[in-house]
Amino acid sequence: ISCNPESQFRDLEQMDDAYEVIAAQPVDCYPHNAHLEQAVLLQRRG
């Protein structure tokens, strides 16, 4: 779960050898605000 898409992308790139992104879902935790969280489901490779 991340609130910063740039750092989440960077972190996911670093884990790409070991994990595969299965799904990503934005979550509006703060209604009436432009801020979103994003949850990502990962599966271990191999």
N, C-alpha and C. Protein backbone atom coordinates (compact mmCIF):
# COMPACT_ATOMS: atom_id res chain seq x y z
N ILE A 1 0.86 -1.17 0.00
CA ILE A 1 0.00 0.00 0.00
C ILE A 1 0.90 1.22 0.00
N SER A 2 0.56 2.18 -0.85
CA SER A 2 1.38 3.38 -0.95
C SER A 2 0.51 4.60 -1.21
N CYS A 3 0.97 5.72 -0.72
CA CYS A 3 0.29 6.99 -1.00
C CYS A 3 1.11 7.82 -1.99
N ASN A 4 2.25 7.29 -2.43
CA ASN A 4 3.11 8.03 -3.35
C ASN A 4 3.40 7.13 -4.56
N PRO A 5 2.76 7.39 -5.70
CA PRO A 5 2.93 6.51 -6.86
C PRO A 5 4.37 6.46 -7.38
N GLU A 6 5.11 7.55 -7.25
CA GLU A 6 6.49 7.56 -7.73
C GLU A 6 7.37 6.62 -6.91
N SER A 7 7.24 6.69 -5.58
CA SER A 7 8.06 5.80 -4.75
C SER A 7 7.57 4.36 -4.85
N GLN A 8 6.27 4.16 -5.03
CA GLN A 8 5.77 2.80 -5.18
C GLN A 8 6.32 2.17 -6.46
N PHE A 9 6.33 2.93 -7.55
CA PHE A 9 6.89 2.43 -8.81
C PHE A 9 8.36 2.07 -8.63
N ARG A 10 9.11 2.94 -7.99
CA ARG A 10 10.54 2.70 -7.75
C ARG A 10 10.73 1.43 -6.91
N ASP A 11 9.94 1.28 -5.85
CA ASP A 11 10.05 0.11 -4.98
C ASP A 11 9.68 -1.18 -5.73
N LEU A 12 8.63 -1.11 -6.54
CA LEU A 12 8.22 -2.29 -7.31
C LEU A 12 9.28 -2.68 -8.33
N GLU A 13 9.93 -1.71 -8.94
CA GLU A 13 11.02 -2.00 -9.87
C GLU A 13 12.15 -2.76 -9.18
N GLN A 14 12.45 -2.38 -7.95
CA GLN A 14 13.53 -3.04 -7.20
C GLN A 14 13.18 -4.48 -6.84
N MET A 15 11.89 -4.78 -6.75
CA MET A 15 11.45 -6.13 -6.37
C MET A 15 11.06 -6.97 -7.58
N ASP A 16 11.25 -6.44 -8.79
CA ASP A 16 10.76 -7.10 -10.01
C ASP A 16 11.36 -8.48 -10.24
N ASP A 17 12.59 -8.71 -9.83
CA ASP A 17 13.19 -10.03 -10.02
C ASP A 17 12.53 -11.10 -9.15
N ALA A 18 12.02 -10.70 -8.00
CA ALA A 18 11.47 -11.67 -7.05
C ALA A 18 9.95 -11.72 -7.04
N TYR A 19 9.28 -10.62 -7.45
CA TYR A 19 7.82 -10.55 -7.36
C TYR A 19 7.21 -10.06 -8.65
N GLU A 20 6.01 -10.56 -8.94
CA GLU A 20 5.23 -10.14 -10.10
C GLU A 20 4.00 -9.39 -9.60
N VAL A 21 3.68 -8.28 -10.24
CA VAL A 21 2.47 -7.53 -9.89
C VAL A 21 1.28 -8.27 -10.50
N ILE A 22 0.34 -8.65 -9.65
CA ILE A 22 -0.87 -9.36 -10.08
C ILE A 22 -2.01 -8.38 -10.33
N ALA A 23 -2.15 -7.41 -9.44
CA ALA A 23 -3.24 -6.44 -9.56
C ALA A 23 -2.87 -5.18 -8.79
N ALA A 24 -3.46 -4.08 -9.21
CA ALA A 24 -3.30 -2.81 -8.50
C ALA A 24 -4.66 -2.15 -8.39
N GLN A 25 -4.94 -1.56 -7.24
CA GLN A 25 -6.24 -0.95 -7.00
C GLN A 25 -6.09 0.36 -6.25
N PRO A 26 -6.50 1.47 -6.86
CA PRO A 26 -6.51 2.72 -6.09
C PRO A 26 -7.63 2.67 -5.05
N VAL A 27 -7.38 3.27 -3.90
CA VAL A 27 -8.34 3.27 -2.80
C VAL A 27 -8.53 4.70 -2.33
N ASP A 28 -9.78 5.15 -2.31
CA ASP A 28 -10.11 6.50 -1.88
C ASP A 28 -10.41 6.48 -0.38
N CYS A 29 -9.37 6.62 0.43
CA CYS A 29 -9.52 6.61 1.89
C CYS A 29 -10.02 7.94 2.43
N TYR A 30 -9.88 8.97 1.64
CA TYR A 30 -10.20 10.32 2.09
C TYR A 30 -11.19 10.96 1.11
N PRO A 31 -12.48 10.69 1.27
CA PRO A 31 -13.48 11.25 0.37
C PRO A 31 -13.40 12.78 0.30
N HIS A 32 -13.76 13.31 -0.85
CA HIS A 32 -13.77 14.76 -1.08
C HIS A 32 -12.37 15.35 -1.03
N ASN A 33 -11.38 14.53 -1.37
CA ASN A 33 -9.98 14.94 -1.39
C ASN A 33 -9.34 14.28 -2.61
N ALA A 34 -8.38 14.92 -3.22
CA ALA A 34 -7.73 14.36 -4.41
C ALA A 34 -6.73 13.25 -4.07
N HIS A 35 -6.47 13.02 -2.79
CA HIS A 35 -5.47 12.04 -2.36
C HIS A 35 -6.01 10.61 -2.49
N LEU A 36 -5.19 9.72 -3.04
CA LEU A 36 -5.53 8.30 -3.15
C LEU A 36 -4.40 7.45 -2.60
N GLU A 37 -4.74 6.30 -2.07
CA GLU A 37 -3.77 5.27 -1.73
C GLU A 37 -3.84 4.25 -2.86
N GLN A 38 -2.79 3.45 -3.02
CA GLN A 38 -2.85 2.38 -4.01
C GLN A 38 -2.34 1.09 -3.39
N ALA A 39 -3.17 0.06 -3.49
CA ALA A 39 -2.79 -1.27 -3.00
C ALA A 39 -2.36 -2.10 -4.20
N VAL A 40 -1.29 -2.86 -4.03
CA VAL A 40 -0.77 -3.72 -5.09
C VAL A 40 -0.65 -5.14 -4.56
N LEU A 41 -1.18 -6.08 -5.32
CA LEU A 41 -1.06 -7.50 -4.98
C LEU A 41 0.15 -8.06 -5.73
N LEU A 42 1.07 -8.66 -4.98
CA LEU A 42 2.29 -9.23 -5.55
C LEU A 42 2.28 -10.74 -5.38
N GLN A 43 2.91 -11.43 -6.33
CA GLN A 43 3.09 -12.88 -6.21
C GLN A 43 4.57 -13.17 -6.38
N ARG A 44 5.09 -14.00 -5.51
CA ARG A 44 6.51 -14.37 -5.57
C ARG A 44 6.78 -15.17 -6.85
N ARG A 45 7.81 -14.79 -7.57
CA ARG A 45 8.19 -15.51 -8.79
C ARG A 45 8.85 -16.84 -8.42
N GLY A 46 8.72 -17.80 -9.33
CA GLY A 46 9.42 -19.06 -9.14
C GLY A 46 8.56 -20.04 -8.49
